[in-house]
């Protein structure tokens, strides 16, 4: 059996010849030990990926929190702010009024059709 130093000094061609030599006995339990090591490496890799993903999510949330830290004061003059609020509330009021008119006209149309159906069935 060769020492680690001798193996390290071998060329790739020599290493390949040794690996293909079937006369060299394989230590017992090598396959189970190798599969155990591979399993451990996969678990470590999966854990590292999970930790990295968690850190990326935390970093993303932190950046998002810094850029979206709430409302900011955009008006230095309170009277201008009041005028803008009045405009916005007026638009909302108009939209609600238009919606109420649509609902009322729809209700009238539904009532007429119901009455027509009821009168035809008599």
Protein backbone atom coordinates (compact mmCIF):
# COMPACT_ATOMS: atom_id res chain seq x y z
CA UNK A 1 0.00 0.00 0.00
CA UNK A 2 1.29 3.43 -0.92
CA UNK A 3 1.54 6.36 1.44
CA UNK A 4 -0.32 9.63 0.96
CA UNK A 5 2.90 11.34 -0.15
CA UNK A 6 3.48 8.70 -2.85
CA UNK A 7 -0.11 8.98 -4.07
CA UNK A 8 0.14 12.78 -4.23
CA UNK A 9 3.25 12.52 -6.41
CA UNK A 10 1.58 10.15 -8.94
CA UNK A 11 0.46 11.44 -12.33
CA UNK A 12 -3.17 11.32 -13.40
CA UNK A 13 -2.43 8.45 -15.78
CA UNK A 14 -0.86 6.40 -12.98
CA UNK A 15 -3.81 7.17 -10.68
CA UNK A 16 -6.22 6.00 -13.35
CA UNK A 17 -4.29 2.74 -13.84
CA UNK A 18 -4.36 2.07 -10.10
CA UNK A 19 -8.09 2.81 -9.93
CA UNK A 20 -8.79 0.32 -12.73
CA UNK A 21 -6.62 -2.42 -11.15
CA UNK A 22 -9.07 -5.00 -9.78
CA UNK A 23 -6.38 -6.99 -7.94
CA UNK A 24 -6.19 -4.33 -5.21
CA UNK A 25 -8.63 -5.25 -2.44
CA UNK A 26 -11.31 -2.73 -1.45
CA UNK A 27 -11.53 -2.24 2.32
CA UNK A 28 -14.67 -3.66 3.89
CA UNK A 29 -17.35 -1.12 4.79
CA UNK A 30 -15.93 1.48 2.40
CA UNK A 31 -19.21 1.85 0.51
CA UNK A 32 -21.28 2.41 3.66
CA UNK A 33 -18.76 4.91 5.05
CA UNK A 34 -18.66 6.77 1.73
CA UNK A 35 -22.46 6.91 1.50
CA UNK A 36 -22.60 8.15 5.11
CA UNK A 37 -20.13 10.91 4.30
CA UNK A 38 -22.04 11.86 1.17
CA UNK A 39 -25.30 11.99 3.16
CA UNK A 40 -23.68 14.25 5.78
CA UNK A 41 -22.32 16.54 3.06
CA UNK A 42 -25.79 16.81 1.51
CA UNK A 43 -27.33 17.64 4.89
CA UNK A 44 -24.69 20.30 5.53
CA UNK A 45 -25.21 21.73 2.05
CA UNK A 46 -29.00 21.79 2.50
CA UNK A 47 -28.59 23.51 5.86
CA UNK A 48 -26.24 26.08 4.37
CA UNK A 49 -28.67 26.75 1.52
CA UNK A 50 -31.50 27.18 4.02
CA UNK A 51 -29.47 29.61 6.09
CA UNK A 52 -28.45 31.57 2.99
CA UNK A 53 -32.07 31.74 1.82
CA UNK A 54 -33.21 32.93 5.25
CA UNK A 55 -30.54 35.62 5.29
CA UNK A 56 -31.53 36.74 1.79
CA UNK A 57 -35.18 37.02 2.85
CA UNK A 58 -34.25 38.96 5.98
CA UNK A 59 -32.03 41.26 3.97
CA UNK A 60 -34.80 41.84 1.44
CA UNK A 61 -37.33 42.62 4.16
CA UNK A 62 -34.87 45.00 5.80
CA UNK A 63 -34.22 46.84 2.55
CA UNK A 64 -37.95 47.01 1.81
CA UNK A 65 -38.63 48.41 5.29
CA UNK A 66 -36.00 51.11 4.79
CA UNK A 67 -37.41 52.22 1.44
CA UNK A 68 -41.08 52.02 2.53
CA UNK A 69 -40.94 53.57 5.94
CA UNK A 70 -44.39 55.14 5.87
CA UNK A 71 -45.95 58.35 4.72
CA UNK A 72 -43.83 61.42 4.34
CA UNK A 73 -44.87 65.03 4.70
CA UNK A 74 -45.06 66.42 1.19
CA UNK A 75 -46.64 69.81 1.97
CA UNK A 76 -44.91 72.54 3.91
CA UNK A 77 -48.03 74.73 3.73
CA UNK A 78 -50.98 73.25 5.67
CA UNK A 79 -53.49 75.19 3.55
CA UNK A 80 -52.22 73.51 0.37
CA UNK A 81 -52.49 70.15 2.08
CA UNK A 82 -56.09 70.96 3.10
CA UNK A 83 -56.97 71.93 -0.50
CA UNK A 84 -55.54 68.63 -1.77
CA UNK A 85 -57.51 66.68 0.83
CA UNK A 86 -60.70 68.52 -0.22
CA UNK A 87 -60.05 67.63 -3.88
CA UNK A 88 -59.48 63.98 -3.01
CA UNK A 89 -62.57 63.75 -0.80
CA UNK A 90 -64.62 65.45 -3.51
CA UNK A 91 -63.49 62.84 -6.06
CA UNK A 92 -64.36 60.06 -3.64
CA UNK A 93 -67.76 61.61 -2.97
CA UNK A 94 -68.50 61.90 -6.69
CA UNK A 95 -67.52 58.28 -7.25
CA UNK A 96 -69.79 57.14 -4.41
CA UNK A 97 -72.66 59.26 -5.75
CA UNK A 98 -72.24 57.84 -9.27
CA UNK A 99 -72.13 54.33 -7.85
CA UNK A 100 -75.31 54.95 -5.88
CA UNK A 101 -77.04 56.21 -9.04
CA UNK A 102 -75.99 53.09 -10.94
CA UNK A 103 -77.26 50.86 -8.15
CA UNK A 104 -80.55 52.77 -7.98
CA UNK A 105 -81.14 52.60 -11.75
CA UNK A 106 -80.25 48.91 -11.73
CA UNK A 107 -82.71 48.32 -8.89
CA UNK A 108 -85.45 50.15 -10.83
CA UNK A 109 -84.76 48.03 -13.90
CA UNK A 110 -84.85 44.84 -11.85
CA UNK A 111 -88.12 45.88 -10.20
CA UNK A 112 -89.73 46.60 -13.62
CA UNK A 113 -88.68 43.19 -14.94
CA UNK A 114 -89.96 41.41 -11.83
CA UNK A 115 -93.30 43.24 -12.11
CA UNK A 116 -93.51 42.38 -15.82
CA UNK A 117 -92.88 38.70 -15.10
CA UNK A 118 -95.38 38.67 -12.24
CA UNK A 119 -98.07 40.43 -14.31
CA UNK A 120 -97.62 38.03 -17.24
CA UNK A 121 -98.05 35.00 -14.99
CA UNK A 122 -101.50 36.14 -13.75
